[in-house]
Amino acid sequence: VGWDDPSVELLWRYNQHYFDDLNADGAPQRRAWQRDLITLWIAANAPGQGTGWAPYPVSLRIVNWIKCFAGGEVAEPAAVFSLAVQARWLGQRLEWHLLGNHLFANAKALVFAGLFFDGEEAQAWLAQGLSILDTEIPEQILSDGGQFERSPMYHALALEDLLDLINLLQAAGGTSPLLPDLRQRSSVMLHWLR
């Protein structure tokens, strides 16, 4: 169906651009296909054009690509360049108008990009992402450990986001002042989910 077929529902197209398969069960057996798919995506999705450049798919794709590369997959130069372009794009288009899980995903992606890349721009992404999380975590994770939308699905997704951030920040040296709060909140979130 291509990357942006208007006859396909928007949510389906969003999922198509997330690249969740990069970190799915059995993903290492599909690496050659996945590398080709990343190359095809870059060629077919010019910056700023189409469904794949909406801030939410950009956020999830940044995280999925970086998790894959951090797991040992070689990051081709074109993919690294595209990641930088995506992070720049996202940093200018945060979903303040939607807030909730969208803004949280935006912030998480900026943290991932900020720690994946070096330099002043990367430090700005990291600071921006951490600042948003510092505000959004207490708002979105309630005192009983439940995610504020009170949906088990959104709760599980938010918990996965927190666990990803804990793993990332620990791998980066474990010095983030946000880390103790993330650990505490993920613990109560696990309890709430049980």
N, C-alpha and C. Protein backbone atom coordinates (compact mmCIF):
# COMPACT_ATOMS: atom_id res chain seq x y z
N VAL A 1 0.82 -1.21 0.00
CA VAL A 1 0.00 0.00 0.00
C VAL A 1 0.85 1.26 0.00
N GLY A 2 2.15 1.13 0.01
CA GLY A 2 2.98 2.31 0.09
C GLY A 2 3.02 2.83 1.51
N TRP A 3 3.58 4.02 1.68
CA TRP A 3 3.78 4.58 3.02
C TRP A 3 2.68 5.55 3.43
N ASP A 4 1.85 5.99 2.50
CA ASP A 4 0.90 7.05 2.86
C ASP A 4 -0.39 6.94 2.04
N ASP A 5 -0.92 5.74 1.92
CA ASP A 5 -2.13 5.51 1.15
C ASP A 5 -3.34 6.08 1.90
N PRO A 6 -4.02 7.10 1.35
CA PRO A 6 -5.14 7.71 2.06
C PRO A 6 -6.34 6.78 2.22
N SER A 7 -6.37 5.66 1.48
CA SER A 7 -7.48 4.72 1.63
C SER A 7 -7.32 3.84 2.88
N VAL A 8 -6.13 3.90 3.50
CA VAL A 8 -5.86 3.13 4.72
C VAL A 8 -6.05 4.06 5.92
N GLU A 9 -6.64 3.54 6.99
CA GLU A 9 -6.89 4.37 8.17
C GLU A 9 -5.62 5.00 8.71
N LEU A 10 -5.76 6.19 9.26
CA LEU A 10 -4.61 6.95 9.77
C LEU A 10 -3.86 6.18 10.85
N LEU A 11 -4.57 5.55 11.78
CA LEU A 11 -3.89 4.80 12.84
C LEU A 11 -3.06 3.66 12.27
N TRP A 12 -3.57 3.00 11.25
CA TRP A 12 -2.81 1.94 10.59
C TRP A 12 -1.53 2.51 9.99
N ARG A 13 -1.67 3.66 9.30
CA ARG A 13 -0.49 4.31 8.70
C ARG A 13 0.50 4.75 9.78
N TYR A 14 -0.01 5.28 10.89
CA TYR A 14 0.88 5.63 11.99
C TYR A 14 1.72 4.42 12.41
N ASN A 15 1.04 3.31 12.65
CA ASN A 15 1.75 2.10 13.07
C ASN A 15 2.78 1.65 12.05
N GLN A 16 2.49 1.84 10.80
CA GLN A 16 3.42 1.47 9.73
C GLN A 16 4.75 2.23 9.86
N HIS A 17 4.68 3.45 10.37
CA HIS A 17 5.86 4.31 10.46
C HIS A 17 6.60 4.19 11.79
N TYR A 18 6.09 3.43 12.74
CA TYR A 18 6.73 3.31 14.05
C TYR A 18 8.00 2.46 14.03
N PHE A 19 8.05 1.46 13.17
CA PHE A 19 9.17 0.50 13.13
C PHE A 19 9.27 -0.32 14.41
N ASP A 20 8.13 -0.68 14.99
CA ASP A 20 8.11 -1.52 16.19
C ASP A 20 8.81 -2.87 15.96
N ASP A 21 8.78 -3.37 14.73
CA ASP A 21 9.37 -4.69 14.47
C ASP A 21 10.87 -4.72 14.75
N LEU A 22 11.52 -3.57 14.75
CA LEU A 22 12.97 -3.56 15.02
C LEU A 22 13.31 -4.14 16.39
N ASN A 23 12.36 -4.08 17.33
CA ASN A 23 12.62 -4.53 18.70
C ASN A 23 11.63 -5.61 19.14
N ALA A 24 10.96 -6.22 18.17
CA ALA A 24 9.97 -7.25 18.48
C ALA A 24 10.65 -8.61 18.66
N ASP A 25 9.89 -9.55 19.16
CA ASP A 25 10.37 -10.91 19.33
C ASP A 25 10.87 -11.45 17.98
N GLY A 26 12.06 -12.00 17.97
CA GLY A 26 12.62 -12.57 16.75
C GLY A 26 13.20 -11.56 15.78
N ALA A 27 13.28 -10.30 16.18
CA ALA A 27 13.76 -9.25 15.29
C ALA A 27 15.15 -9.52 14.70
N PRO A 28 16.09 -10.07 15.47
CA PRO A 28 17.41 -10.30 14.87
C PRO A 28 17.40 -11.19 13.62
N GLN A 29 16.42 -12.07 13.50
CA GLN A 29 16.32 -12.92 12.32
C GLN A 29 15.82 -12.14 11.09
N ARG A 30 15.34 -10.94 11.29
CA ARG A 30 14.81 -10.13 10.20
C ARG A 30 15.67 -8.89 9.92
N ARG A 31 16.89 -8.87 10.41
CA ARG A 31 17.70 -7.65 10.32
C ARG A 31 17.95 -7.20 8.88
N ALA A 32 18.26 -8.09 7.97
CA ALA A 32 18.53 -7.67 6.59
C ALA A 32 17.29 -7.00 6.00
N TRP A 33 16.13 -7.59 6.22
CA TRP A 33 14.88 -7.02 5.73
C TRP A 33 14.62 -5.67 6.38
N GLN A 34 14.88 -5.59 7.68
CA GLN A 34 14.65 -4.33 8.41
C GLN A 34 15.58 -3.23 7.92
N ARG A 35 16.85 -3.57 7.67
CA ARG A 35 17.79 -2.57 7.13
C ARG A 35 17.28 -2.04 5.80
N ASP A 36 16.81 -2.96 4.94
CA ASP A 36 16.27 -2.54 3.65
C ASP A 36 15.04 -1.66 3.82
N LEU A 37 14.21 -1.99 4.81
CA LEU A 37 13.00 -1.22 5.06
C LEU A 37 13.34 0.20 5.53
N ILE A 38 14.35 0.33 6.38
CA ILE A 38 14.80 1.67 6.81
C ILE A 38 15.27 2.47 5.60
N THR A 39 16.06 1.83 4.74
CA THR A 39 16.55 2.50 3.53
C THR A 39 15.39 2.94 2.64
N LEU A 40 14.40 2.05 2.47
CA LEU A 40 13.22 2.39 1.67
C LEU A 40 12.43 3.54 2.31
N TRP A 41 12.30 3.48 3.63
CA TRP A 41 11.56 4.54 4.31
C TRP A 41 12.23 5.90 4.09
N ILE A 42 13.54 5.95 4.26
CA ILE A 42 14.27 7.21 4.09
C ILE A 42 14.07 7.75 2.67
N ALA A 43 14.15 6.88 1.67
CA ALA A 43 14.02 7.30 0.27
C ALA A 43 12.60 7.77 -0.06
N ALA A 44 11.60 7.16 0.56
CA ALA A 44 10.21 7.43 0.19
C ALA A 44 9.53 8.50 1.05
N ASN A 45 10.16 8.93 2.12
CA ASN A 45 9.52 9.85 3.06
C ASN A 45 10.38 11.09 3.26
N ALA A 46 10.24 12.02 2.36
CA ALA A 46 11.01 13.26 2.43
C ALA A 46 10.69 13.99 3.73
N PRO A 47 11.68 14.62 4.33
CA PRO A 47 11.45 15.32 5.60
C PRO A 47 10.25 16.26 5.54
N GLY A 48 9.39 16.10 6.55
CA GLY A 48 8.24 16.98 6.70
C GLY A 48 7.03 16.62 5.87
N GLN A 49 7.11 15.53 5.09
CA GLN A 49 5.99 15.21 4.20
C GLN A 49 5.37 13.87 4.55
N GLY A 50 4.07 13.85 4.68
CA GLY A 50 3.34 12.61 4.85
C GLY A 50 3.12 12.23 6.31
N THR A 51 2.38 11.14 6.47
CA THR A 51 1.99 10.63 7.78
C THR A 51 3.18 10.35 8.68
N GLY A 52 4.25 9.83 8.11
CA GLY A 52 5.43 9.45 8.89
C GLY A 52 6.12 10.61 9.57
N TRP A 53 5.78 11.84 9.18
CA TRP A 53 6.41 13.01 9.78
C TRP A 53 5.53 13.72 10.80
N ALA A 54 4.39 13.12 11.11
CA ALA A 54 3.61 13.64 12.24
C ALA A 54 4.45 13.41 13.51
N PRO A 55 4.38 14.29 14.48
CA PRO A 55 5.27 14.18 15.64
C PRO A 55 5.20 12.85 16.40
N TYR A 56 4.02 12.26 16.50
CA TYR A 56 3.92 11.01 17.26
C TYR A 56 4.64 9.86 16.55
N PRO A 57 4.40 9.60 15.26
CA PRO A 57 5.19 8.55 14.60
C PRO A 57 6.69 8.85 14.60
N VAL A 58 7.06 10.11 14.45
CA VAL A 58 8.48 10.47 14.51
C VAL A 58 9.04 10.07 15.87
N SER A 59 8.32 10.35 16.93
CA SER A 59 8.79 10.04 18.29
C SER A 59 9.01 8.55 18.47
N LEU A 60 8.03 7.75 18.09
CA LEU A 60 8.17 6.30 18.27
C LEU A 60 9.25 5.71 17.38
N ARG A 61 9.38 6.25 16.15
CA ARG A 61 10.40 5.75 15.24
C ARG A 61 11.80 6.08 15.76
N ILE A 62 12.02 7.28 16.26
CA ILE A 62 13.32 7.65 16.81
C ILE A 62 13.71 6.66 17.90
N VAL A 63 12.81 6.40 18.82
CA VAL A 63 13.11 5.47 19.92
C VAL A 63 13.39 4.07 19.39
N ASN A 64 12.57 3.59 18.47
CA ASN A 64 12.77 2.23 17.96
C ASN A 64 14.07 2.09 17.19
N TRP A 65 14.41 3.07 16.37
CA TRP A 65 15.69 2.99 15.65
C TRP A 65 16.86 3.02 16.64
N ILE A 66 16.81 3.91 17.60
CA ILE A 66 17.93 4.02 18.55
C ILE A 66 18.03 2.77 19.42
N LYS A 67 16.91 2.22 19.87
CA LYS A 67 16.97 0.98 20.65
C LYS A 67 17.61 -0.14 19.82
N CYS A 68 17.27 -0.22 18.56
CA CYS A 68 17.85 -1.23 17.67
C CYS A 68 19.36 -1.02 17.53
N PHE A 69 19.77 0.20 17.28
CA PHE A 69 21.20 0.49 17.12
C PHE A 69 21.95 0.30 18.43
N ALA A 70 21.35 0.66 19.54
CA ALA A 70 21.99 0.47 20.85
C ALA A 70 22.12 -1.02 21.19
N GLY A 71 21.25 -1.82 20.59
CA GLY A 71 21.30 -3.26 20.81
C GLY A 71 22.35 -3.98 19.97
N GLY A 72 23.09 -3.23 19.18
CA GLY A 72 24.19 -3.83 18.43
C GLY A 72 24.06 -3.77 16.92
N GLU A 73 22.91 -3.40 16.41
CA GLU A 73 22.75 -3.28 14.96
C GLU A 73 23.57 -2.09 14.47
N VAL A 74 24.28 -2.29 13.38
CA VAL A 74 25.10 -1.22 12.81
C VAL A 74 24.19 -0.14 12.25
N ALA A 75 24.43 1.07 12.66
CA ALA A 75 23.65 2.21 12.17
C ALA A 75 24.31 2.74 10.90
N GLU A 76 23.64 2.54 9.80
CA GLU A 76 24.15 3.06 8.52
C GLU A 76 24.19 4.59 8.58
N PRO A 77 25.17 5.21 7.90
CA PRO A 77 25.26 6.68 7.93
C PRO A 77 23.96 7.38 7.51
N ALA A 78 23.27 6.84 6.51
CA ALA A 78 22.01 7.47 6.07
C ALA A 78 20.96 7.42 7.18
N ALA A 79 20.94 6.34 7.94
CA ALA A 79 19.97 6.21 9.04
C ALA A 79 20.32 7.17 10.17
N VAL A 80 21.60 7.32 10.47
CA VAL A 80 22.02 8.26 11.52
C VAL A 80 21.69 9.68 11.10
N PHE A 81 21.94 10.01 9.84
CA PHE A 81 21.61 11.35 9.34
C PHE A 81 20.10 11.58 9.43
N SER A 82 19.31 10.57 9.02
CA SER A 82 17.86 10.69 9.10
C SER A 82 17.39 10.87 10.54
N LEU A 83 17.99 10.13 11.46
CA LEU A 83 17.64 10.29 12.87
C LEU A 83 17.86 11.72 13.35
N ALA A 84 18.97 12.31 12.96
CA ALA A 84 19.25 13.69 13.36
C ALA A 84 18.20 14.64 12.78
N VAL A 85 17.84 14.44 11.52
CA VAL A 85 16.82 15.27 10.88
C VAL A 85 15.49 15.10 11.61
N GLN A 86 15.15 13.84 11.96
CA GLN A 86 13.89 13.58 12.66
C GLN A 86 13.87 14.24 14.03
N ALA A 87 14.98 14.19 14.75
CA ALA A 87 15.04 14.82 16.08
C ALA A 87 14.91 16.33 15.96
N ARG A 88 15.56 16.92 14.98
CA ARG A 88 15.42 18.37 14.75
C ARG A 88 13.97 18.72 14.45
N TRP A 89 13.38 17.95 13.56
CA TRP A 89 11.98 18.17 13.17
C TRP A 89 11.07 18.10 14.40
N LEU A 90 11.25 17.04 15.19
CA LEU A 90 10.42 16.84 16.36
C LEU A 90 10.59 17.97 17.38
N GLY A 91 11.82 18.38 17.61
CA GLY A 91 12.09 19.43 18.59
C GLY A 91 11.35 20.73 18.29
N GLN A 92 10.99 20.93 17.03
CA GLN A 92 10.26 22.14 16.62
C GLN A 92 8.74 21.94 16.59
N ARG A 93 8.29 20.67 16.83
CA ARG A 93 6.86 20.38 16.64
C ARG A 93 6.30 19.51 17.77
N LEU A 94 6.62 19.85 18.97
CA LEU A 94 6.13 19.08 20.11
C LEU A 94 4.61 19.23 20.23
N GLU A 95 3.96 18.19 20.71
CA GLU A 95 2.50 18.14 20.70
C GLU A 95 1.88 18.72 21.98
N TRP A 96 2.19 20.00 22.22
CA TRP A 96 1.64 20.70 23.38
C TRP A 96 0.13 20.79 23.30
N HIS A 97 -0.41 20.82 22.10
CA HIS A 97 -1.85 20.94 21.93
C HIS A 97 -2.58 19.64 22.29
N LEU A 98 -1.89 18.51 22.28
CA LEU A 98 -2.51 17.23 22.63
C LEU A 98 -2.15 16.78 24.05
N LEU A 99 -0.93 17.14 24.48
CA LEU A 99 -0.43 16.74 25.80
C LEU A 99 -0.48 15.21 25.95
N GLY A 100 -0.72 14.70 27.14
CA GLY A 100 -0.88 13.28 27.40
C GLY A 100 0.24 12.41 26.84
N ASN A 101 -0.16 11.25 26.35
CA ASN A 101 0.83 10.28 25.88
C ASN A 101 1.60 10.79 24.66
N HIS A 102 1.03 11.70 23.89
CA HIS A 102 1.75 12.24 22.73
C HIS A 102 2.95 13.08 23.18
N LEU A 103 2.71 14.01 24.09
CA LEU A 103 3.81 14.85 24.57
C LEU A 103 4.85 14.01 25.31
N PHE A 104 4.39 13.02 26.05
CA PHE A 104 5.31 12.11 26.75
C PHE A 104 6.20 11.39 25.75
N ALA A 105 5.61 10.88 24.66
CA ALA A 105 6.39 10.19 23.62
C ALA A 105 7.37 11.15 22.97
N ASN A 106 6.95 12.39 22.75
CA ASN A 106 7.86 13.40 22.18
C ASN A 106 9.08 13.59 23.08
N ALA A 107 8.81 13.74 24.38
CA ALA A 107 9.90 13.96 25.34
C ALA A 107 10.82 12.76 25.42
N LYS A 108 10.26 11.58 25.45
CA LYS A 108 11.08 10.36 25.50
C LYS A 108 12.00 10.29 24.28
N ALA A 109 11.47 10.60 23.11
CA ALA A 109 12.28 10.56 21.89
C ALA A 109 13.42 11.58 21.95
N LEU A 110 13.15 12.77 22.49
CA LEU A 110 14.20 13.78 22.61
C LEU A 110 15.30 13.31 23.57
N VAL A 111 14.92 12.64 24.64
CA VAL A 111 15.92 12.09 25.58
C VAL A 111 16.76 11.03 24.87
N PHE A 112 16.11 10.13 24.14
CA PHE A 112 16.85 9.11 23.41
C PHE A 112 17.82 9.74 22.40
N ALA A 113 17.32 10.71 21.62
CA ALA A 113 18.17 11.37 20.63
C ALA A 113 19.29 12.15 21.31
N GLY A 114 18.96 12.79 22.41
CA GLY A 114 19.97 13.58 23.13
C GLY A 114 21.11 12.74 23.66
N LEU A 115 20.82 11.49 24.03
CA LEU A 115 21.88 10.61 24.53
C LEU A 115 22.54 9.80 23.42
N PHE A 116 21.88 9.66 22.28
CA PHE A 116 22.46 8.93 21.14
C PHE A 116 23.51 9.77 20.43
N PHE A 117 23.22 11.06 20.28
CA PHE A 117 24.12 11.97 19.57
C PHE A 117 24.99 12.74 20.55
N ASP A 118 26.04 13.35 20.04
CA ASP A 118 26.93 14.22 20.81
C ASP A 118 26.76 15.65 20.33
N GLY A 119 27.18 16.58 21.18
CA GLY A 119 27.20 17.97 20.76
C GLY A 119 26.14 18.82 21.42
N GLU A 120 26.20 20.10 21.12
CA GLU A 120 25.30 21.08 21.74
C GLU A 120 23.84 20.84 21.38
N GLU A 121 23.58 20.51 20.12
CA GLU A 121 22.20 20.27 19.71
C GLU A 121 21.62 19.06 20.45
N ALA A 122 22.41 18.01 20.58
CA ALA A 122 21.96 16.83 21.31
C ALA A 122 21.71 17.16 22.77
N GLN A 123 22.57 17.96 23.36
CA GLN A 123 22.37 18.37 24.76
C GLN A 123 21.08 19.17 24.92
N ALA A 124 20.75 19.98 23.92
CA ALA A 124 19.50 20.75 23.96
C ALA A 124 18.29 19.81 23.88
N TRP A 125 18.38 18.79 23.02
CA TRP A 125 17.27 17.81 22.93
C TRP A 125 17.10 17.10 24.27
N LEU A 126 18.21 16.69 24.85
CA LEU A 126 18.17 15.98 26.13
C LEU A 126 17.55 16.86 27.22
N ALA A 127 18.00 18.10 27.31
CA ALA A 127 17.48 19.01 28.33
C ALA A 127 15.99 19.27 28.12
N GLN A 128 15.59 19.46 26.88
CA GLN A 128 14.18 19.72 26.58
C GLN A 128 13.33 18.50 26.95
N GLY A 129 13.78 17.31 26.58
CA GLY A 129 13.04 16.10 26.89
C GLY A 129 12.93 15.86 28.38
N LEU A 130 14.03 16.02 29.10
CA LEU A 130 14.01 15.82 30.56
C LEU A 130 13.12 16.84 31.25
N SER A 131 13.13 18.07 30.77
CA SER A 131 12.30 19.11 31.36
C SER A 131 10.82 18.77 31.20
N ILE A 132 10.43 18.32 30.02
CA ILE A 132 9.03 17.94 29.79
C ILE A 132 8.66 16.76 30.68
N LEU A 133 9.53 15.76 30.75
CA LEU A 133 9.24 14.59 31.59
C LEU A 133 9.11 14.97 33.06
N ASP A 134 9.94 15.91 33.49
CA ASP A 134 9.89 16.35 34.88
C ASP A 134 8.51 16.92 35.23
N THR A 135 7.87 17.54 34.27
CA THR A 135 6.54 18.09 34.47
C THR A 135 5.45 17.05 34.24
N GLU A 136 5.61 16.25 33.19
CA GLU A 136 4.55 15.33 32.79
C GLU A 136 4.44 14.07 33.65
N ILE A 137 5.54 13.58 34.16
CA ILE A 137 5.48 12.34 34.95
C ILE A 137 4.59 12.50 36.17
N PRO A 138 4.77 13.54 37.00
CA PRO A 138 3.87 13.67 38.15
C PRO A 138 2.41 13.90 37.76
N GLU A 139 2.19 14.48 36.60
CA GLU A 139 0.81 14.72 36.16
C GLU A 139 0.18 13.43 35.60
N GLN A 140 0.98 12.65 34.87
CA GLN A 140 0.42 11.50 34.18
C GLN A 140 0.44 10.21 35.01
N ILE A 141 1.32 10.13 35.99
CA ILE A 141 1.37 8.95 36.86
C ILE A 141 0.85 9.39 38.23
N LEU A 142 -0.32 8.91 38.56
CA LEU A 142 -1.01 9.35 39.78
C LEU A 142 -0.41 8.69 41.02
N SER A 143 -0.78 9.19 42.18
CA SER A 143 -0.18 8.72 43.44
C SER A 143 -0.42 7.24 43.71
N ASP A 144 -1.51 6.68 43.17
CA ASP A 144 -1.77 5.26 43.36
C ASP A 144 -1.03 4.38 42.35
N GLY A 145 -0.26 5.02 41.46
CA GLY A 145 0.51 4.30 40.46
C GLY A 145 -0.19 4.17 39.13
N GLY A 146 -1.45 4.56 39.06
CA GLY A 146 -2.18 4.46 37.81
C GLY A 146 -1.86 5.60 36.86
N GLN A 147 -1.87 5.29 35.57
CA GLN A 147 -1.69 6.31 34.55
C GLN A 147 -2.99 7.12 34.47
N PHE A 148 -2.90 8.41 34.26
CA PHE A 148 -4.05 9.30 34.46
C PHE A 148 -5.22 9.06 33.53
N GLU A 149 -5.05 8.33 32.43
CA GLU A 149 -6.19 8.04 31.57
C GLU A 149 -6.98 6.84 32.08
N ARG A 150 -6.44 6.14 33.07
CA ARG A 150 -7.12 5.02 33.73
C ARG A 150 -7.48 3.89 32.75
N SER A 151 -6.70 3.74 31.73
CA SER A 151 -6.87 2.67 30.76
C SER A 151 -5.71 1.69 30.93
N PRO A 152 -5.98 0.41 31.13
CA PRO A 152 -4.87 -0.55 31.27
C PRO A 152 -3.91 -0.54 30.08
N MET A 153 -4.43 -0.31 28.87
CA MET A 153 -3.55 -0.27 27.69
C MET A 153 -2.60 0.93 27.78
N TYR A 154 -3.14 2.12 28.04
CA TYR A 154 -2.28 3.30 28.15
C TYR A 154 -1.34 3.18 29.35
N HIS A 155 -1.83 2.56 30.40
CA HIS A 155 -0.99 2.35 31.58
C HIS A 155 0.22 1.48 31.22
N ALA A 156 -0.04 0.37 30.53
CA ALA A 156 1.06 -0.53 30.15
C ALA A 156 2.05 0.16 29.22
N LEU A 157 1.55 0.97 28.30
CA LEU A 157 2.44 1.71 27.40
C LEU A 157 3.28 2.73 28.18
N ALA A 158 2.65 3.43 29.12
CA ALA A 158 3.38 4.41 29.93
C ALA A 158 4.43 3.71 30.79
N LEU A 159 4.09 2.55 31.34
CA LEU A 159 5.06 1.78 32.13
C LEU A 159 6.24 1.36 31.27
N GLU A 160 5.97 0.90 30.07
CA GLU A 160 7.07 0.53 29.16
C GLU A 160 7.96 1.75 28.88
N ASP A 161 7.34 2.91 28.69
CA ASP A 161 8.11 4.14 28.47
C ASP A 161 9.02 4.43 29.66
N LEU A 162 8.49 4.32 30.86
CA LEU A 162 9.30 4.57 32.06
C LEU A 162 10.45 3.57 32.16
N LEU A 163 10.17 2.30 31.89
CA LEU A 163 11.22 1.28 31.96
C LEU A 163 12.30 1.52 30.90
N ASP A 164 11.88 1.93 29.70
CA ASP A 164 12.85 2.29 28.66
C ASP A 164 13.74 3.44 29.11
N LEU A 165 13.13 4.45 29.71
CA LEU A 165 13.89 5.61 30.18
C LEU A 165 14.85 5.22 31.30
N ILE A 166 14.40 4.36 32.21
CA ILE A 166 15.29 3.88 33.28
C ILE A 166 16.50 3.17 32.68
N ASN A 167 16.26 2.25 31.75
CA ASN A 167 17.36 1.52 31.13
C ASN A 167 18.31 2.47 30.40
N LEU A 168 17.75 3.42 29.67
CA LEU A 168 18.57 4.37 28.92
C LEU A 168 19.42 5.23 29.85
N LEU A 169 18.79 5.79 30.88
CA LEU A 169 19.53 6.68 31.79
C LEU A 169 20.57 5.92 32.61
N GLN A 170 20.26 4.69 32.98
CA GLN A 170 21.27 3.86 33.67
C GLN A 170 22.44 3.57 32.75
N ALA A 171 22.16 3.23 31.49
CA ALA A 171 23.23 2.94 30.53
C ALA A 171 24.08 4.18 30.26
N ALA A 172 23.49 5.37 30.44
CA ALA A 172 24.21 6.62 30.22
C ALA A 172 24.98 7.08 31.45
N GLY A 173 25.03 6.25 32.47
CA GLY A 173 25.81 6.60 33.65
C GLY A 173 25.01 6.69 34.92
N GLY A 174 23.70 6.73 34.81
CA GLY A 174 22.85 6.70 35.99
C GLY A 174 22.90 7.94 36.87
N THR A 175 23.27 9.09 36.31
CA THR A 175 23.41 10.29 37.12
C THR A 175 22.23 11.25 37.00
N SER A 176 21.25 10.93 36.19
CA SER A 176 20.12 11.83 36.01
C SER A 176 19.33 11.98 37.30
N PRO A 177 19.00 13.21 37.69
CA PRO A 177 18.18 13.41 38.89
C PRO A 177 16.76 12.85 38.73
N LEU A 178 16.36 12.56 37.52
CA LEU A 178 15.03 12.00 37.26
C LEU A 178 14.96 10.50 37.57
N LEU A 179 16.11 9.84 37.59
CA LEU A 179 16.16 8.38 37.73
C LEU A 179 15.49 7.84 38.99
N PRO A 180 15.73 8.41 40.19
CA PRO A 180 15.05 7.86 41.38
C PRO A 180 13.53 7.94 41.28
N ASP A 181 13.01 9.04 40.75
CA ASP A 181 11.56 9.18 40.59
C ASP A 181 11.03 8.15 39.59
N LEU A 182 11.75 7.93 38.50
CA LEU A 182 11.32 6.94 37.52
C LEU A 182 11.27 5.55 38.14
N ARG A 183 12.27 5.22 38.93
CA ARG A 183 12.30 3.90 39.57
C ARG A 183 11.12 3.74 40.53
N GLN A 184 10.88 4.74 41.35
CA GLN A 184 9.80 4.67 42.33
C GLN A 184 8.45 4.57 41.63
N ARG A 185 8.23 5.40 40.64
CA ARG A 185 6.95 5.39 39.94
C ARG A 185 6.73 4.10 39.15
N SER A 186 7.78 3.56 38.56
CA SER A 186 7.61 2.30 37.82
C SER A 186 7.25 1.17 38.77
N SER A 187 7.77 1.21 39.98
CA SER A 187 7.43 0.19 40.97
C SER A 187 5.95 0.23 41.33
N VAL A 188 5.41 1.43 41.60
CA VAL A 188 4.00 1.52 41.93
C VAL A 188 3.12 1.26 40.71
N MET A 189 3.63 1.57 39.52
CA MET A 189 2.88 1.27 38.31
C MET A 189 2.77 -0.24 38.09
N LEU A 190 3.84 -0.96 38.39
CA LEU A 190 3.78 -2.43 38.29
C LEU A 190 2.75 -2.98 39.26
N HIS A 191 2.74 -2.44 40.48
CA HIS A 191 1.77 -2.87 41.48
C HIS A 191 0.34 -2.58 40.98
N TRP A 192 0.10 -1.40 40.48
CA TRP A 192 -1.22 -1.02 39.98
C TRP A 192 -1.65 -1.96 38.85
N LEU A 193 -0.73 -2.28 37.93
CA LEU A 193 -1.06 -3.14 36.80
C LEU A 193 -1.42 -4.55 37.27
N ARG A 194 -0.70 -5.05 38.31
CA ARG A 194 -1.06 -6.37 38.86
C ARG A 194 -2.46 -6.34 39.44
